[in-house]
């Protein structure tokens, strides 16, 4: 569970007119995931405001009096795609004569339908109050409700209401909404712009001098709105591996004793060459490899799906049965998987050394994903996946090796021609 956040103390600003714009990629789903909150810590009698994901819907609220909440939801939409970056903008201007214009929320450039409008003109919202604490990623009252996921290009603007087009635009080639890296805005008294570029000072304000203080560990990743890396898919739950057992932006999965299941990457492909690494603690009856999403794994002889797994005992499992690689692996070994989707073959590596020649994918290969499998370990286990972001859990790789295209960071040398499983690399290989 995430516990980190950023914060600063506000001064007297504009409580009627402001803008919040940011890119977000969720990891944990469900209730109580706070995006930003402004309040006097521990004091619930004063005005306050927040923006969060509530039961996977987008929620914006403020309490101008300290007693009655004004709450607004994006209607009929859930935000449950953990493989996607969303661009969210909340534009607030309670001075506007039209109630429908006082709050506008945009997702990826499109204005959203809200469950209601701000009916009172010139209302003070509780944002930008003097001496209030503003937090990004946590409840500013008594703490908790931490956000679990990633942020990029977080703009907080005091005194001006901007539309989404100020911060993003549609790519003329792909038709995909993308960020403007240097929008023309005035940040105002309390405003700031977090690029999250300085790994030693992640609260640095790139728009001025309103730096935020970091509490806990906030990690700089190379996953961005313009290039999304694979993670573990929390929506593909098979017994052992479910969303509640995922952490570190869905790159770490915990497994309990004697449970069985498989986890898959959020991204897959049917052509191209891709590489990833996995590090397992207390290795016991685990498998690392590739599979399609039709797999049903209760034993090492799955009843359905196409797959190739490299097991801790050194065996290679495919639908036709088991063969021996001659090389076992154990706790804290790093297993590399080089998947040649074009030629339907897989090569496995143990701590940087290939264990044998490539193994073919049997039958008809469709879209395949990287996968971790467990069929009943005798102890609790944790697996850390590095899809190219350069971490095993919260520990950065020591060698920092790059694929040929320079996209991704791995512990060991990446085989020539292989790339990280990310959107730029998939597009480059599938449409070249």
Protein backbone atom coordinates (compact mmCIF):
# COMPACT_ATOMS: atom_id res chain seq x y z
CA UNK A 1 0.00 0.00 0.00
CA UNK A 2 1.28 3.42 -0.92
CA UNK A 3 2.06 5.80 1.95
CA UNK A 4 4.02 8.60 0.25
CA UNK A 5 2.69 12.07 -0.55
CA UNK A 6 3.78 15.66 -1.27
CA UNK A 7 2.61 18.75 0.58
CA UNK A 8 2.98 22.50 1.10
CA UNK A 9 1.32 25.16 3.24
CA UNK A 10 -0.90 27.55 1.30
CA UNK A 11 -1.17 31.31 1.69
CA UNK A 12 -4.19 33.50 0.93
CA UNK A 13 -5.16 32.86 -2.68
CA UNK A 14 -8.21 32.71 -4.91
CA UNK A 15 -10.84 30.37 -3.48
CA UNK A 16 -13.25 30.98 -6.36
CA UNK A 17 -11.08 30.47 -9.44
CA UNK A 18 -8.37 27.84 -9.95
CA UNK A 19 -7.31 24.88 -12.13
CA UNK A 20 -5.87 21.45 -11.39
CA UNK A 21 -4.36 19.56 -14.33
CA UNK A 22 -2.39 16.34 -14.19
CA UNK A 23 -1.73 12.98 -15.83
CA UNK A 24 -2.42 9.92 -13.72
CA UNK A 25 -1.95 6.16 -14.00
CA UNK A 26 -3.69 4.10 -11.33
CA UNK A 27 -2.32 0.96 -9.67
CA UNK A 28 -4.72 0.12 -6.87
CA UNK A 29 -8.45 0.20 -7.60
CA UNK A 30 -11.34 0.76 -5.23
CA UNK A 31 -12.30 3.48 -2.77
CA UNK A 32 -10.37 6.15 -0.88
CA UNK A 33 -7.60 6.97 -3.35
CA UNK A 34 -6.88 10.64 -2.81
CA UNK A 35 -5.48 12.78 -5.62
CA UNK A 36 -5.27 16.13 -3.82
CA UNK A 37 -6.72 17.57 -0.63
CA UNK A 38 -6.62 21.05 0.99
CA UNK A 39 -7.47 21.48 4.67
CA UNK A 40 -6.16 22.55 8.06
CA UNK A 41 -4.74 19.26 9.40
CA UNK A 42 -7.01 17.71 12.03
CA UNK A 43 -9.63 20.45 11.79
CA UNK A 44 -12.89 19.38 10.16
CA UNK A 45 -14.82 22.53 11.07
CA UNK A 46 -13.18 24.69 8.40
CA UNK A 47 -13.70 24.82 4.65
CA UNK A 48 -11.80 22.21 2.66
CA UNK A 49 -11.69 20.58 -0.77
CA UNK A 50 -10.47 17.46 -2.50
CA UNK A 51 -10.33 15.44 -5.70
CA UNK A 52 -10.18 11.64 -5.61
CA UNK A 53 -11.20 8.31 -7.10
CA UNK A 54 -14.23 7.04 -5.21
CA UNK A 55 -15.22 3.46 -6.09
CA UNK A 56 -13.25 3.97 -9.32
CA UNK A 57 -15.26 7.05 -10.32
CA UNK A 58 -13.80 10.56 -10.42
CA UNK A 59 -15.01 12.74 -7.58
CA UNK A 60 -14.53 16.48 -6.91
CA UNK A 61 -15.80 18.05 -3.69
CA UNK A 62 -15.45 21.03 -1.40
CA UNK A 63 -16.86 22.15 1.91
CA UNK A 64 -17.21 25.95 1.96
CA UNK A 65 -18.78 26.18 5.41
CA UNK A 66 -17.13 23.40 7.36
CA UNK A 67 -20.36 21.43 7.56
CA UNK A 68 -22.10 20.93 4.20
CA UNK A 69 -20.30 19.24 1.31
CA UNK A 70 -20.72 20.20 -2.34
CA UNK A 71 -19.93 17.03 -4.27
CA UNK A 72 -19.64 16.36 -8.00
CA UNK A 73 -19.04 13.11 -9.84
CA UNK A 74 -18.14 12.40 -13.43
CA UNK A 75 -21.30 10.58 -14.46
CA UNK A 76 -21.45 7.05 -15.87
CA UNK A 77 -17.73 6.50 -16.14
CA UNK A 78 -15.26 4.28 -14.27
CA UNK A 79 -11.49 4.66 -14.34
CA UNK A 80 -10.28 1.07 -14.04
CA UNK A 81 -7.69 0.77 -16.82
CA UNK A 82 -4.42 0.38 -14.92
CA UNK A 83 -2.44 0.22 -18.17
CA UNK A 84 -3.52 3.70 -19.27
CA UNK A 85 -2.57 7.26 -18.45
CA UNK A 86 -5.50 9.65 -18.02
CA UNK A 87 -5.24 13.41 -18.39
CA UNK A 88 -7.61 15.00 -15.86
CA UNK A 89 -8.43 18.69 -15.58
CA UNK A 90 -10.68 20.38 -13.02
CA UNK A 91 -11.53 23.95 -14.06
CA UNK A 92 -13.23 25.97 -11.32
CA UNK A 93 -14.67 29.48 -11.62
CA UNK A 94 -17.56 30.12 -9.25
CA UNK A 95 -17.74 33.77 -10.42
CA UNK A 96 -19.20 32.68 -13.77
CA UNK A 97 -22.80 33.76 -14.29
CA UNK A 98 -23.66 30.36 -15.76
CA UNK A 99 -23.90 27.51 -13.24
CA UNK A 100 -22.85 24.97 -15.89
CA UNK A 101 -19.55 26.81 -16.37
CA UNK A 102 -18.53 27.05 -12.71
CA UNK A 103 -17.03 23.55 -12.65
CA UNK A 104 -15.78 21.73 -15.72
CA UNK A 105 -13.93 18.42 -15.63
CA UNK A 106 -12.07 17.10 -18.66
CA UNK A 107 -10.69 13.62 -19.34
CA UNK A 108 -8.18 13.33 -22.19
CA UNK A 109 -9.37 16.64 -23.61
CA UNK A 110 -13.10 15.87 -23.51
CA UNK A 111 -15.44 17.70 -21.16
CA UNK A 112 -17.32 15.25 -18.93
CA UNK A 113 -20.94 15.15 -17.85
CA UNK A 114 -21.30 15.82 -14.10
CA UNK A 115 -24.05 14.73 -11.74
CA UNK A 116 -24.78 18.37 -10.80
CA UNK A 117 -23.54 21.98 -11.12
CA UNK A 118 -22.35 24.60 -8.64
CA UNK A 119 -25.56 26.45 -8.02
CA UNK A 120 -24.25 29.36 -5.93
CA UNK A 121 -22.30 32.10 -7.68
CA UNK A 122 -19.13 33.53 -6.08
CA UNK A 123 -18.82 30.61 -3.68
CA UNK A 124 -15.55 30.18 -1.77
CA UNK A 125 -14.57 26.56 -2.25
CA UNK A 126 -12.10 25.91 0.56
CA UNK A 127 -9.15 25.70 -1.83
CA UNK A 128 -6.33 28.28 -1.51
CA UNK A 129 -7.16 29.20 2.08
CA UNK A 130 -4.44 30.83 4.16
CA UNK A 131 -2.39 28.38 6.30
CA UNK A 132 -4.13 25.36 4.82
CA UNK A 133 -2.13 22.27 3.95
CA UNK A 134 -2.34 21.09 0.37
CA UNK A 135 -1.37 17.46 -0.21
CA UNK A 136 -0.88 15.55 -3.42
CA UNK A 137 -1.56 11.86 -2.92
CA UNK A 138 -3.05 11.86 0.60
CA UNK A 139 -5.87 13.17 2.78
CA UNK A 140 -4.65 16.44 4.36
CA UNK A 141 -6.76 16.16 7.49
CA UNK A 142 -5.48 13.27 9.56
CA UNK A 143 -3.72 11.38 6.79
CA UNK A 144 -4.61 8.16 5.01
CA UNK A 145 -6.48 7.43 1.79
CA UNK A 146 -3.14 7.45 -0.05
CA UNK A 147 -3.03 7.38 -3.80
CA UNK A 148 -1.39 4.27 -5.28
CA UNK A 149 -0.13 4.93 -8.79
CA UNK A 150 1.78 7.48 -10.84
CA UNK A 151 1.50 11.19 -11.58
CA UNK A 152 3.02 13.23 -14.38
CA UNK A 153 2.92 16.96 -15.21
CA UNK A 154 0.91 18.06 -12.17
CA UNK A 155 -0.22 21.70 -12.59
CA UNK A 156 -1.89 23.56 -9.73
CA UNK A 157 -3.03 27.06 -10.75
CA UNK A 158 -4.30 29.73 -8.38
CA UNK A 159 -6.49 32.47 -9.83
CA UNK A 160 -7.11 31.36 -13.43
CA UNK A 161 -9.54 28.84 -14.92
CA UNK A 162 -7.99 27.05 -17.91
CA UNK A 163 -9.55 24.52 -20.27
CA UNK A 164 -7.91 21.17 -21.07
CA UNK A 165 -6.61 22.50 -24.40
CA UNK A 166 -4.16 24.66 -22.44
CA UNK A 167 -2.34 21.54 -21.23
CA UNK A 168 -2.85 18.98 -23.99
CA UNK A 169 -3.55 18.48 -27.67
CA UNK A 170 -4.47 15.77 -30.14
CA UNK A 171 -1.52 14.27 -31.99
CA UNK A 172 -2.02 14.91 -35.70
CA UNK A 173 -0.61 11.50 -36.67
CA UNK A 174 -2.01 9.13 -34.04
CA UNK A 175 -5.14 11.01 -33.00
CA UNK A 176 -4.16 10.41 -29.35
CA UNK A 177 -4.37 13.12 -26.70
CA UNK A 178 -0.87 14.13 -25.57
CA UNK A 179 0.61 16.66 -23.12
CA UNK A 180 1.92 20.09 -23.96
CA UNK A 181 5.27 20.07 -22.21
CA UNK A 182 5.44 23.85 -21.68
CA UNK A 183 1.92 25.32 -21.54
CA UNK A 184 1.52 29.10 -21.37
CA UNK A 185 -0.08 29.63 -17.94
CA UNK A 186 0.11 31.91 -14.93
CA UNK A 187 0.43 29.89 -11.74
CA UNK A 188 -0.58 32.57 -9.25
CA UNK A 189 0.10 32.83 -5.54
CA UNK A 190 -0.11 29.16 -4.57
CA UNK A 191 0.41 27.56 -7.96
CA UNK A 192 3.09 25.06 -8.94
CA UNK A 193 4.15 22.70 -11.72
CA UNK A 194 5.54 19.29 -10.76
CA UNK A 195 7.48 17.56 -13.53
CA UNK A 196 8.87 14.91 -11.16
CA UNK A 197 12.23 15.09 -12.96
CA UNK A 198 14.58 15.52 -9.98
CA UNK A 199 14.79 12.12 -8.29
CA UNK A 200 16.37 13.66 -5.18
CA UNK A 201 13.75 16.43 -4.91
CA UNK A 202 10.50 15.19 -6.44
CA UNK A 203 8.56 18.17 -5.06
CA UNK A 204 10.49 20.72 -7.13
CA UNK A 205 8.26 23.41 -8.63
CA UNK A 206 9.20 23.88 -12.29
CA UNK A 207 6.74 26.78 -12.65
CA UNK A 208 8.09 28.94 -9.84
CA UNK A 209 9.32 28.58 -6.27
CA UNK A 210 6.39 26.86 -4.53
CA UNK A 211 8.24 23.61 -3.89
CA UNK A 212 6.46 20.76 -2.12
CA UNK A 213 7.88 18.64 0.68
CA UNK A 214 8.08 14.89 0.06
CA UNK A 215 6.90 12.50 2.77
CA UNK A 216 7.88 8.89 2.27
CA UNK A 217 9.46 7.56 -0.91
CA UNK A 218 8.39 9.04 -4.24
CA UNK A 219 10.17 7.27 -7.09
CA UNK A 220 10.99 8.67 -10.52
CA UNK A 221 9.95 6.23 -13.27
CA UNK A 222 10.38 6.32 -17.05
CA UNK A 223 6.76 5.27 -17.67
CA UNK A 224 5.09 8.38 -19.13
CA UNK A 225 1.82 9.36 -20.87
CA UNK A 226 3.67 9.18 -24.20
CA UNK A 227 5.21 5.77 -23.52
CA UNK A 228 3.37 3.30 -21.29
CA UNK A 229 5.24 0.28 -19.90
CA UNK A 230 3.62 -3.02 -19.07
CA UNK A 231 2.77 -3.77 -15.44
CA UNK A 232 0.96 -6.64 -13.70
CA UNK A 233 -2.70 -6.64 -14.64
CA UNK A 234 -4.88 -6.36 -11.47
CA UNK A 235 -8.03 -7.10 -13.45
CA UNK A 236 -6.80 -10.57 -14.39
CA UNK A 237 -7.22 -12.33 -11.06
CA UNK A 238 -6.69 -16.04 -10.63
CA UNK A 239 -6.91 -17.15 -6.99
CA UNK A 240 -3.49 -16.27 -5.63
CA UNK A 241 -2.70 -13.07 -7.40
CA UNK A 242 -5.37 -10.48 -6.94
CA UNK A 243 -5.41 -6.72 -6.80
CA UNK A 244 -5.03 -6.56 -3.02
CA UNK A 245 -1.70 -8.39 -3.27
CA UNK A 246 -0.10 -6.02 -5.77
CA UNK A 247 2.21 -3.13 -4.92
CA UNK A 248 4.94 -0.85 -6.29
CA UNK A 249 2.78 0.43 -9.14
CA UNK A 250 1.71 -3.12 -9.92
CA UNK A 251 5.20 -4.47 -10.49
CA UNK A 252 5.31 -6.56 -7.28
CA UNK A 253 2.98 -9.45 -6.43
CA UNK A 254 2.69 -11.41 -3.18
CA UNK A 255 1.75 -15.06 -3.04
CA UNK A 256 0.48 -16.93 0.01
CA UNK A 257 1.37 -20.49 0.95
CA UNK A 258 -0.37 -23.29 -0.96
CA UNK A 259 -2.31 -21.05 -3.32
CA UNK A 260 -2.35 -21.40 -7.09
CA UNK A 261 -2.60 -18.89 -9.88
CA UNK A 262 -1.03 -16.86 -12.64
CA UNK A 263 -0.47 -13.16 -13.26
CA UNK A 264 -0.21 -11.52 -16.66
CA UNK A 265 1.26 -8.30 -17.98
CA UNK A 266 -1.11 -5.51 -18.95
CA UNK A 267 0.37 -5.32 -22.45
CA UNK A 268 0.83 -8.07 -25.01
CA UNK A 269 1.74 -8.46 -28.66
CA UNK A 270 1.67 -10.96 -31.49
CA UNK A 271 4.75 -9.76 -33.39
CA UNK A 272 8.11 -8.28 -32.43
CA UNK A 273 10.80 -9.14 -29.86
CA UNK A 274 10.46 -8.29 -26.17
CA UNK A 275 12.37 -8.81 -22.93
CA UNK A 276 11.57 -8.60 -19.21
CA UNK A 277 13.09 -9.69 -15.88
CA UNK A 278 11.63 -11.21 -12.72
CA UNK A 279 13.17 -11.60 -9.25
CA UNK A 280 11.51 -14.05 -6.84
CA UNK A 281 11.98 -14.30 -3.08
CA UNK A 282 11.69 -17.70 -1.38
CA UNK A 283 11.51 -19.36 -4.79
CA UNK A 284 9.46 -22.53 -4.54
CA UNK A 285 7.45 -24.05 -7.39
CA UNK A 286 7.27 -20.85 -9.42
CA UNK A 287 7.29 -20.42 -13.17
CA UNK A 288 8.28 -17.44 -15.33
CA UNK A 289 7.39 -17.16 -19.01
CA UNK A 290 4.68 -16.18 -21.46
CA UNK A 291 1.05 -17.16 -21.95
CA UNK A 292 -2.19 -16.06 -23.56
CA UNK A 293 -5.20 -14.96 -21.51
CA UNK A 294 -7.01 -18.28 -21.98
CA UNK A 295 -4.81 -20.10 -19.48
CA UNK A 296 -6.45 -21.91 -16.56
CA UNK A 297 -3.67 -22.86 -14.17
CA UNK A 298 -4.37 -25.17 -11.23
CA UNK A 299 -1.52 -27.61 -11.83
CA UNK A 300 1.53 -27.64 -14.04
CA UNK A 301 -0.68 -29.23 -16.67
CA UNK A 302 -3.13 -26.37 -17.41
CA UNK A 303 -6.42 -27.37 -18.96
CA UNK A 304 -6.41 -24.52 -21.45
CA UNK A 305 -4.31 -21.77 -23.01
CA UNK A 306 -0.98 -21.56 -24.77
CA UNK A 307 2.13 -21.04 -22.65
CA UNK A 308 5.84 -21.59 -22.08
CA UNK A 309 7.08 -21.50 -18.44
CA UNK A 310 10.54 -21.90 -16.93
CA UNK A 311 10.16 -23.47 -13.46
CA UNK A 312 12.35 -23.27 -10.36
CA UNK A 313 13.23 -26.98 -10.73
CA UNK A 314 14.74 -26.27 -14.15
CA UNK A 315 11.94 -27.74 -16.23
CA UNK A 316 10.28 -26.06 -19.22
CA UNK A 317 6.51 -26.45 -19.32
CA UNK A 318 4.45 -26.27 -22.50
CA UNK A 319 1.01 -27.70 -23.38
CA UNK A 320 2.63 -30.90 -24.65
CA UNK A 321 4.43 -31.54 -21.37
CA UNK A 322 7.72 -30.93 -19.58
CA UNK A 323 11.37 -30.96 -20.68
CA UNK A 324 14.48 -30.24 -18.63
CA UNK A 325 16.65 -27.19 -19.20
CA UNK A 326 19.30 -28.54 -16.87
CA UNK A 327 19.39 -25.30 -14.84
CA UNK A 328 17.42 -24.64 -11.66
CA UNK A 329 16.98 -21.25 -10.01
CA UNK A 330 16.34 -20.14 -6.45
CA UNK A 331 15.75 -17.19 -4.14
CA UNK A 332 16.84 -13.79 -5.52
CA UNK A 333 17.96 -15.15 -8.87
CA UNK A 334 16.93 -12.84 -11.72
CA UNK A 335 15.16 -14.60 -14.58
CA UNK A 336 15.16 -12.93 -17.98
CA UNK A 337 12.60 -13.79 -20.66
CA UNK A 338 13.37 -12.98 -24.30
CA UNK A 339 10.22 -13.50 -26.30
CA UNK A 340 10.42 -13.57 -30.09
CA UNK A 341 6.76 -13.21 -30.97
CA UNK A 342 7.46 -13.04 -34.71
CA UNK A 343 9.15 -16.46 -34.75
CA UNK A 344 7.12 -17.91 -31.84
CA UNK A 345 10.03 -18.80 -29.59
CA UNK A 346 11.26 -17.98 -26.08
CA UNK A 347 14.75 -17.89 -24.59
CA UNK A 348 15.26 -17.89 -20.82
CA UNK A 349 18.15 -16.37 -18.87
CA UNK A 350 19.36 -16.91 -15.33
CA UNK A 351 21.33 -13.96 -13.96
CA UNK A 352 22.24 -12.85 -17.45
CA UNK A 353 23.21 -16.24 -18.93
CA UNK A 354 21.00 -18.14 -21.39
CA UNK A 355 19.99 -21.49 -19.91
CA UNK A 356 19.53 -23.27 -23.25
CA UNK A 357 18.52 -22.69 -26.84
CA UNK A 358 15.18 -21.08 -27.67
CA UNK A 359 11.96 -22.97 -26.93
CA UNK A 360 9.17 -22.88 -29.48
CA UNK A 361 5.62 -21.80 -28.74
CA UNK A 362 3.37 -24.75 -29.57
CA UNK A 363 0.20 -24.50 -31.60
CA UNK A 364 -1.26 -21.27 -32.90
CA UNK A 365 0.17 -18.17 -31.24
CA UNK A 366 -2.09 -15.19 -30.77
CA UNK A 367 -1.45 -12.24 -28.50
CA UNK A 368 0.83 -13.35 -25.66
CA UNK A 369 1.75 -11.69 -22.36
CA UNK A 370 4.61 -12.03 -19.90
CA UNK A 371 3.49 -14.16 -16.97
CA UNK A 372 4.37 -15.48 -13.51
CA UNK A 373 2.80 -18.74 -12.35
CA UNK A 374 2.52 -20.49 -8.98
CA UNK A 375 0.98 -23.90 -8.31
CA UNK A 376 1.14 -24.18 -4.55
CA UNK A 377 4.29 -23.02 -2.82
CA UNK A 378 5.16 -24.22 0.66
CA UNK A 379 6.00 -20.69 1.80
CA UNK A 380 4.96 -17.09 1.19
CA UNK A 381 6.62 -15.63 -1.88
CA UNK A 382 7.02 -12.28 -3.55
CA UNK A 383 7.91 -11.65 -7.17
CA UNK A 384 9.28 -8.34 -8.46
CA UNK A 385 8.84 -7.68 -12.18
CA UNK A 386 11.01 -5.30 -14.17
CA UNK A 387 9.25 -4.50 -17.44
CA UNK A 388 11.82 -1.81 -18.21
CA UNK A 389 11.27 0.80 -15.51
CA UNK A 390 14.55 -0.21 -13.89
CA UNK A 391 13.35 -1.42 -10.46
CA UNK A 392 12.75 -4.64 -8.57
CA UNK A 393 10.20 -3.38 -6.08
CA UNK A 394 11.70 -0.16 -4.72
CA UNK A 395 15.31 -1.16 -5.45
CA UNK A 396 16.87 0.21 -8.62
CA UNK A 397 18.80 -2.19 -10.83
CA UNK A 398 22.54 -2.00 -10.34
CA UNK A 399 23.75 -2.36 -13.93
CA UNK A 400 21.21 -0.22 -15.84
CA UNK A 401 21.42 -1.97 -19.19
CA UNK A 402 19.38 -0.66 -22.14
CA UNK A 403 17.79 -2.36 -25.16
CA UNK A 404 19.03 -1.45 -28.65
CA UNK A 405 16.41 1.30 -29.00
CA UNK A 406 17.44 2.85 -25.66
CA UNK A 407 13.95 2.51 -24.16
CA UNK A 408 13.95 0.70 -20.82
CA UNK A 409 16.40 -0.12 -18.02
CA UNK A 410 17.31 -3.69 -17.05
CA UNK A 411 19.71 -5.51 -14.75
CA UNK A 412 21.39 -7.57 -17.47
CA UNK A 413 22.31 -7.17 -21.12
CA UNK A 414 19.24 -7.24 -23.33
CA UNK A 415 19.63 -9.61 -26.32
CA UNK A 416 20.19 -7.81 -29.62
CA UNK A 417 16.96 -6.79 -31.31
CA UNK A 418 14.78 -7.21 -28.20
CA UNK A 419 12.91 -4.34 -26.57
CA UNK A 420 10.96 -3.50 -23.45
CA UNK A 421 7.23 -4.28 -23.51
CA UNK A 422 5.98 -0.71 -23.83
CA UNK A 423 3.76 1.14 -26.26
CA UNK A 424 6.54 2.85 -28.21
CA UNK A 425 8.39 -0.41 -28.77
CA UNK A 426 5.23 -2.34 -29.63
CA UNK A 427 4.18 0.29 -32.17
CA UNK A 428 7.66 0.48 -33.67
CA UNK A 429 7.79 -3.29 -34.23
CA UNK A 430 4.19 -4.00 -35.20
CA UNK A 431 3.90 -1.15 -37.67
CA UNK A 432 7.43 -1.00 -39.08
